[in-house]
Amino acid sequence: MSKAIAIDLGTANSLVYVQGKGIVIREPSVVAIEKNTGKVLAVGDEAKKMIGRTPGNIIAVKPLKDGFIADFDVCSSMLKYFFGKALNSTGMFSKPKVIICVPAGTTSVEERAVRQATMQAGAKEVHIMEEPMAAAIGAGLPVADPTGSMIVDIGGGTTDVAVISLGGIVTSQSIRIGGDKMDEAIVNFVKKNYNLLIGERTAEEIKMAIGSVHILSESEHLTYMVNGRDLMTGLPRQVEISDHEIHLAFKDIIQSILDAIKSCLEKTPPELAGDIIQRGIVLAGGGSLIRGMDLLISEETGMPVIYAEDPLSSIVLGAGNALENIDLLRKVENGQKIGH
């Protein structure tokens, strides 16, 4: 008996859902490799701890960049590890049937790469599902109904904005900007303004601790002590930075996300736009959890903005839901074909 599994193959984190079990894996999309032999030493949480801390012969690789496969073999090894871990826990060793989620702007070449990497990792058959559709199902939106639902999914590598009706994506925008670009912006800001070099893990910690896209009131003011290497002396140094500075660092990134949302709304048929005004824009993905994101989008669009119940898991829950409900999967697959 073969099992069916759903995967949210994210730039920052990967989640795996096993049919009848729910989410069994939630780990960073990182693989540690021995340089000379190409041998995989660690995957997920273990590998992430090694980022920026490895000796010369070990490298920590992120096989996905901006939502797409950057290193095919490493991605396949990572998927193989996830399959093994997910299926061993259920005592099933046969090849699984897999639903794997990709960003809305995926080209046929990129989609083929995802399909091949998944097959190489040991899948029996592969179904591709677009992330905004999966996120909308996971957020509990009535995707199969003849009403408009709008989802904004801000992930690690991409931001997907889509309006969905009757099981298909009516209009969508996908930009290769997400949480990773925010980390990069923090690294560059600290380097430019403080002559201090910090790593991506530190940048991510700063983002989670004091990251904000909406000006906070004086009483909510946040600061963070940052450790890094002084670019002038080469010695370790500590500086204090504020949420207001991070807000400035994020400015261009947030503008791109707002432009994508507005562009999607401009292309939405008027009847569906009316539905969205009533129901609101739904946010999903880890990047949407930055302080003030809902307030800012609401101010800029004039629409109510709500969060999915579990923003970090919406995509994999939606794909898992489609696994458990074959009619929904067929409807979505047909909707995707019509949409393209």
Protein backbone atom coordinates (compact mmCIF):
# COMPACT_ATOMS: atom_id res chain seq x y z
CA MET A 1 0.00 0.00 0.00
CA SER A 2 1.53 3.33 -1.01
CA LYS A 3 1.05 6.50 0.95
CA ALA A 4 0.22 9.92 -0.44
CA ILE A 5 2.14 12.95 0.80
CA ALA A 6 1.96 16.69 0.20
CA ILE A 7 5.00 18.95 0.28
CA ASP A 8 5.39 22.70 0.62
CA LEU A 9 8.91 22.96 -0.81
CA GLY A 10 9.80 26.41 0.47
CA THR A 11 12.93 28.52 0.01
CA ALA A 12 13.25 28.93 3.78
CA ASN A 13 11.33 25.95 5.21
CA SER A 14 9.84 22.71 3.90
CA LEU A 15 6.72 21.10 5.35
CA VAL A 16 5.52 17.57 4.71
CA TYR A 17 1.96 16.30 5.20
CA VAL A 18 1.23 12.55 5.21
CA GLN A 19 -2.26 11.38 4.26
CA GLY A 20 -4.22 10.45 7.37
CA LYS A 21 -1.48 11.77 9.67
CA GLY A 22 -1.27 15.51 9.07
CA ILE A 23 1.96 17.55 9.14
CA VAL A 24 4.88 15.31 10.14
CA ILE A 25 7.89 17.45 9.10
CA ARG A 26 8.58 21.18 9.44
CA GLU A 27 12.27 21.84 8.81
CA PRO A 28 14.53 24.46 7.16
CA SER A 29 15.34 23.87 3.48
CA VAL A 30 19.08 23.52 4.12
CA VAL A 31 21.53 20.71 3.34
CA ALA A 32 25.09 20.37 4.73
CA ILE A 33 27.48 18.77 2.24
CA GLU A 34 31.08 17.58 2.32
CA LYS A 35 32.79 19.65 -0.39
CA ASN A 36 35.24 17.05 -1.74
CA THR A 37 32.90 14.05 -1.91
CA GLY A 38 29.48 15.72 -2.29
CA LYS A 39 28.24 13.51 0.57
CA VAL A 40 25.16 14.79 2.42
CA LEU A 41 26.02 15.20 6.11
CA ALA A 42 22.87 16.79 7.49
CA VAL A 43 19.47 18.10 6.35
CA GLY A 44 16.97 20.52 7.88
CA ASP A 45 17.40 21.68 11.48
CA GLU A 46 20.83 20.07 11.87
CA ALA A 47 22.13 21.67 8.66
CA LYS A 48 20.73 25.11 9.51
CA LYS A 49 22.75 25.20 12.74
CA MET A 50 25.86 24.89 10.56
CA ILE A 51 25.20 27.99 8.39
CA GLY A 52 28.12 30.39 8.73
CA ARG A 53 29.83 28.03 11.18
CA THR A 54 31.26 25.27 8.99
CA PRO A 55 34.94 24.35 8.49
CA GLY A 56 36.34 24.70 4.95
CA ASN A 57 35.45 21.20 3.77
CA ILE A 58 31.73 21.43 4.75
CA ILE A 59 29.23 23.75 3.09
CA ALA A 60 25.64 24.48 4.10
CA VAL A 61 23.57 24.82 0.93
CA LYS A 62 20.06 26.16 0.37
CA PRO A 63 18.93 24.20 -2.72
CA LEU A 64 16.13 26.68 -3.47
CA LYS A 65 16.57 30.33 -4.33
CA ASP A 66 13.68 32.78 -4.80
CA GLY A 67 11.19 29.89 -4.69
CA PHE A 68 12.85 27.80 -7.39
CA ILE A 69 15.40 24.97 -7.56
CA ALA A 70 18.94 26.35 -7.69
CA ASP A 71 20.76 23.05 -7.09
CA PHE A 72 18.93 20.07 -8.60
CA ASP A 73 20.93 17.19 -7.02
CA VAL A 74 20.97 18.74 -3.55
CA CYS A 75 17.23 19.43 -3.77
CA SER A 76 16.62 15.81 -4.75
CA SER A 77 18.75 14.58 -1.81
CA MET A 78 16.78 16.82 0.54
CA LEU A 79 13.44 15.50 -0.77
CA LYS A 80 14.71 11.92 -0.43
CA TYR A 81 15.59 12.61 3.22
CA PHE A 82 12.13 14.12 3.86
CA PHE A 83 10.36 11.17 2.14
CA GLY A 84 12.35 8.68 4.23
CA LYS A 85 11.69 10.51 7.47
CA ALA A 86 7.97 11.03 6.74
CA LEU A 87 7.28 7.48 5.57
CA ASN A 88 9.42 5.60 8.11
CA SER A 89 7.33 7.20 10.81
CA THR A 90 4.29 5.48 9.25
CA GLY A 91 6.04 2.16 8.55
CA MET A 92 5.45 2.59 4.79
CA PHE A 93 8.45 2.09 2.54
CA SER A 94 6.81 2.00 -0.90
CA LYS A 95 7.07 4.92 -3.34
CA PRO A 96 4.64 7.68 -2.37
CA LYS A 97 2.19 9.63 -4.50
CA VAL A 98 3.18 13.28 -4.09
CA ILE A 99 1.49 16.68 -4.39
CA ILE A 100 4.19 19.36 -4.49
CA CYS A 101 3.53 23.11 -4.42
CA VAL A 102 5.21 25.67 -6.68
CA PRO A 103 4.93 29.49 -6.93
CA ALA A 104 2.29 30.91 -9.31
CA GLY A 105 4.90 32.34 -11.70
CA THR A 106 6.63 29.00 -12.32
CA THR A 107 7.68 28.37 -15.95
CA SER A 108 7.23 24.96 -17.61
CA VAL A 109 11.02 24.40 -17.40
CA GLU A 110 11.05 25.14 -13.65
CA GLU A 111 7.99 22.94 -13.15
CA ARG A 112 9.71 20.08 -15.00
CA ALA A 113 12.75 20.45 -12.72
CA VAL A 114 10.52 20.15 -9.62
CA ARG A 115 8.78 17.09 -11.09
CA GLN A 116 12.10 15.39 -11.98
CA ALA A 117 13.71 16.14 -8.60
CA THR A 118 10.65 14.68 -6.84
CA MET A 119 10.67 11.54 -9.03
CA GLN A 120 14.44 11.13 -8.51
CA ALA A 121 13.86 11.34 -4.75
CA GLY A 122 11.56 8.30 -4.97
CA ALA A 123 8.03 9.47 -5.81
CA LYS A 124 5.68 7.17 -7.73
CA GLU A 125 3.65 9.98 -9.26
CA VAL A 126 3.79 13.76 -8.92
CA HIS A 127 0.97 16.32 -8.97
CA ILE A 128 1.93 20.00 -9.16
CA MET A 129 -0.20 22.54 -7.30
CA GLU A 130 0.19 26.32 -7.34
CA GLU A 131 1.06 27.78 -3.94
CA PRO A 132 -1.60 30.52 -3.80
CA MET A 133 -4.31 27.93 -4.54
CA ALA A 134 -2.93 25.59 -1.85
CA ALA A 135 -2.65 28.50 0.62
CA ALA A 136 -6.25 29.54 -0.08
CA ILE A 137 -7.53 26.00 0.54
CA GLY A 138 -5.38 25.78 3.70
CA ALA A 139 -6.79 29.10 4.90
CA GLY A 140 -10.31 27.68 4.57
CA LEU A 141 -11.40 29.92 1.67
CA PRO A 142 -14.30 28.63 -0.49
CA VAL A 143 -12.08 28.15 -3.59
CA ALA A 144 -14.59 25.95 -5.46
CA ASP A 145 -17.48 28.46 -5.11
CA PRO A 146 -18.38 31.10 -7.72
CA THR A 147 -17.19 33.89 -5.40
CA GLY A 148 -13.90 35.77 -5.36
CA SER A 149 -11.25 35.09 -2.71
CA MET A 150 -7.93 36.90 -2.53
CA ILE A 151 -4.81 35.39 -0.98
CA VAL A 152 -1.42 37.05 -0.41
CA ASP A 153 1.24 34.46 0.41
CA ILE A 154 4.59 35.98 1.48
CA GLY A 155 7.14 33.17 1.69
CA GLY A 156 10.90 33.02 2.02
CA GLY A 157 11.70 33.36 -1.68
CA THR A 158 8.52 34.55 -3.38
CA THR A 159 5.35 36.53 -2.78
CA ASP A 160 2.28 35.15 -4.55
CA VAL A 161 -0.89 37.20 -4.87
CA ALA A 162 -3.96 35.57 -6.42
CA VAL A 163 -7.70 35.99 -6.86
CA ILE A 164 -9.44 32.61 -6.91
CA SER A 165 -12.92 31.58 -8.03
CA LEU A 166 -14.54 28.30 -9.16
CA GLY A 167 -11.45 26.21 -8.38
CA GLY A 168 -9.16 28.28 -10.61
CA ILE A 169 -6.82 31.26 -10.36
CA VAL A 170 -8.53 34.21 -12.10
CA THR A 171 -5.60 36.60 -11.85
CA SER A 172 -2.24 36.34 -10.10
CA GLN A 173 1.06 38.11 -9.54
CA SER A 174 4.22 36.36 -8.42
CA ILE A 175 7.37 38.26 -7.48
CA ARG A 176 10.68 36.78 -6.39
CA ILE A 177 10.74 38.75 -3.18
CA GLY A 178 10.10 37.42 0.34
CA GLY A 179 11.62 36.88 3.76
CA ASP A 180 15.12 36.10 2.40
CA LYS A 181 15.29 39.48 0.63
CA MET A 182 14.36 41.12 3.96
CA ASP A 183 17.32 39.34 5.61
CA GLU A 184 19.61 40.56 2.80
CA ALA A 185 18.29 44.11 3.24
CA ILE A 186 19.18 44.00 6.96
CA VAL A 187 22.73 42.69 6.21
CA ASN A 188 23.26 45.52 3.68
CA PHE A 189 21.75 48.20 5.95
CA VAL A 190 23.97 47.28 8.92
CA LYS A 191 27.04 47.10 6.65
CA LYS A 192 26.34 50.50 5.05
CA ASN A 193 25.30 52.42 8.16
CA TYR A 194 27.47 50.82 10.86
CA ASN A 195 30.43 49.35 8.93
CA LEU A 196 29.52 46.07 10.58
CA LEU A 197 29.39 42.69 8.88
CA ILE A 198 26.69 40.27 10.09
CA GLY A 199 25.62 36.83 8.85
CA GLU A 200 22.23 35.82 7.45
CA ARG A 201 21.27 33.98 10.65
CA THR A 202 21.82 37.16 12.68
CA ALA A 203 19.82 39.13 10.11
CA GLU A 204 16.94 36.66 10.44
CA GLU A 205 17.04 36.99 14.25
CA ILE A 206 16.89 40.80 13.94
CA LYS A 207 13.94 40.54 11.51
CA MET A 208 11.99 38.31 13.89
CA ALA A 209 12.81 40.35 16.99
CA ILE A 210 12.24 43.94 15.79
CA GLY A 211 11.22 43.74 12.11
CA SER A 212 8.36 46.10 11.29
CA VAL A 213 6.75 47.48 8.13
CA HIS A 214 4.49 49.97 9.89
CA ILE A 215 5.77 52.85 12.03
CA LEU A 216 5.33 51.80 15.66
CA SER A 217 4.24 54.22 18.36
CA GLU A 218 6.83 55.51 20.86
CA SER A 219 5.52 53.16 23.55
CA GLU A 220 6.05 50.13 21.28
CA HIS A 221 9.58 51.17 20.26
CA LEU A 222 11.95 48.19 19.95
CA THR A 223 15.75 47.89 19.86
CA TYR A 224 18.17 45.01 19.39
CA MET A 225 21.86 44.49 20.24
CA VAL A 226 23.69 43.25 17.14
CA ASN A 227 27.03 41.44 17.22
CA GLY A 228 29.20 41.45 14.11
CA ARG A 229 32.65 42.10 12.70
CA ASP A 230 33.87 45.67 12.31
CA LEU A 231 34.88 46.21 8.68
CA MET A 232 37.54 48.80 9.62
CA THR A 233 39.35 46.97 12.44
CA GLY A 234 38.32 43.37 11.67
CA LEU A 235 37.44 42.94 15.36
CA PRO A 236 34.08 41.90 16.88
CA ARG A 237 31.83 44.83 17.78
CA GLN A 238 28.32 45.36 19.14
CA VAL A 239 25.78 48.00 18.08
CA GLU A 240 22.19 48.74 19.01
CA ILE A 241 19.66 49.16 16.20
CA SER A 242 16.00 50.15 16.31
CA ASP A 243 12.80 48.97 14.65
CA HIS A 244 12.63 52.32 12.80
CA GLU A 245 15.94 51.54 11.06
CA ILE A 246 14.72 48.09 10.01
CA HIS A 247 11.54 49.74 8.73
CA LEU A 248 13.74 51.92 6.48
CA ALA A 249 15.76 48.88 5.33
CA PHE A 250 12.53 47.11 4.24
CA LYS A 251 11.11 50.10 2.31
CA ASP A 252 11.78 48.94 -1.30
CA ILE A 253 10.82 45.32 -0.59
CA ILE A 254 7.49 46.29 0.95
CA GLN A 255 6.76 48.66 -1.95
CA SER A 256 7.25 45.77 -4.42
CA ILE A 257 4.80 43.60 -2.41
CA LEU A 258 2.21 46.43 -2.30
CA ASP A 259 2.61 47.01 -6.06
CA ALA A 260 1.98 43.29 -6.74
CA ILE A 261 -1.21 43.38 -4.62
CA LYS A 262 -2.50 46.53 -6.35
CA SER A 263 -1.65 45.16 -9.80
CA CYS A 264 -3.62 41.98 -9.03
CA LEU A 265 -6.61 44.00 -7.78
CA GLU A 266 -6.57 46.18 -10.93
CA LYS A 267 -6.94 43.05 -13.09
CA THR A 268 -9.77 41.57 -10.99
CA PRO A 269 -13.26 41.52 -12.59
CA PRO A 270 -15.62 43.94 -10.78
CA GLU A 271 -18.00 41.25 -9.42
CA LEU A 272 -15.11 39.38 -7.81
CA ALA A 273 -13.65 42.66 -6.48
CA GLY A 274 -16.98 43.20 -4.68
CA ASP A 275 -16.63 39.77 -3.02
CA ILE A 276 -13.08 40.60 -1.88
CA ILE A 277 -14.21 43.89 -0.30
CA GLN A 278 -16.73 41.90 1.76
CA ARG A 279 -14.49 38.98 2.66
CA GLY A 280 -11.16 40.81 2.87
CA ILE A 281 -7.65 39.95 1.71
CA VAL A 282 -6.22 36.87 3.43
CA LEU A 283 -2.53 36.77 4.41
CA ALA A 284 -0.43 33.59 4.60
CA GLY A 285 3.26 32.66 4.69
CA GLY A 286 5.97 33.44 7.24
CA GLY A 287 6.81 36.83 5.69
CA SER A 288 3.27 38.06 6.37
CA LEU A 289 3.93 37.80 10.13
CA ILE A 290 6.27 40.83 10.16
CA ARG A 291 4.79 43.44 12.52
CA GLY A 292 2.25 45.75 10.89
CA MET A 293 1.93 43.91 7.55
CA ASP A 294 -1.88 43.59 7.86
CA LEU A 295 -2.27 47.26 8.87
CA LEU A 296 -0.11 48.51 6.01
CA ILE A 297 -1.88 46.45 3.30
CA SER A 298 -5.27 47.51 4.67
CA GLU A 299 -4.25 51.21 4.61
CA GLU A 300 -2.83 50.97 1.08
CA THR A 301 -5.78 49.08 -0.46
CA GLY A 302 -8.67 50.33 1.67
CA MET A 303 -9.77 46.72 2.23
CA PRO A 304 -10.08 44.57 5.35
CA VAL A 305 -7.04 42.28 5.81
CA ILE A 306 -7.13 39.09 7.88
CA TYR A 307 -4.63 36.34 8.61
CA ALA A 308 -5.09 32.68 7.73
CA GLU A 309 -5.58 30.59 10.88
CA ASP A 310 -2.07 29.09 10.57
CA PRO A 311 -0.12 31.31 8.13
CA LEU A 312 3.06 29.20 8.26
CA SER A 313 1.27 25.94 7.38
CA SER A 314 -1.46 27.16 4.99
CA ILE A 315 0.18 25.83 1.81
CA VAL A 316 0.90 22.33 3.08
CA LEU A 317 -2.51 22.11 4.80
CA GLY A 318 -4.21 23.08 1.53
CA ALA A 319 -2.24 20.50 -0.47
CA GLY A 320 -2.95 17.93 2.27
CA ASN A 321 -6.64 18.78 2.08
CA ALA A 322 -6.54 18.10 -1.67
CA LEU A 323 -4.88 14.71 -0.93
CA GLU A 324 -7.74 13.74 1.35
CA ASN A 325 -10.38 15.06 -1.08
CA ILE A 326 -9.85 13.69 -4.59
CA ASP A 327 -12.76 15.72 -6.08
CA LEU A 328 -11.15 18.95 -4.87
CA LEU A 329 -7.78 17.89 -6.35
CA ARG A 330 -9.39 17.18 -9.74
CA LYS A 331 -11.25 20.49 -9.68
CA VAL A 332 -8.08 22.43 -8.84
CA GLU A 333 -6.01 20.59 -11.48
CA ASN A 334 -8.66 21.37 -14.11
CA GLY A 335 -8.81 24.98 -12.87
CA GLN A 336 -5.03 25.30 -13.24
CA LYS A 337 -5.17 23.98 -16.83
CA ILE A 338 -7.92 26.49 -17.73
CA GLY A 339 -5.98 29.31 -16.04
CA HIS A 340 -2.90 28.80 -18.21
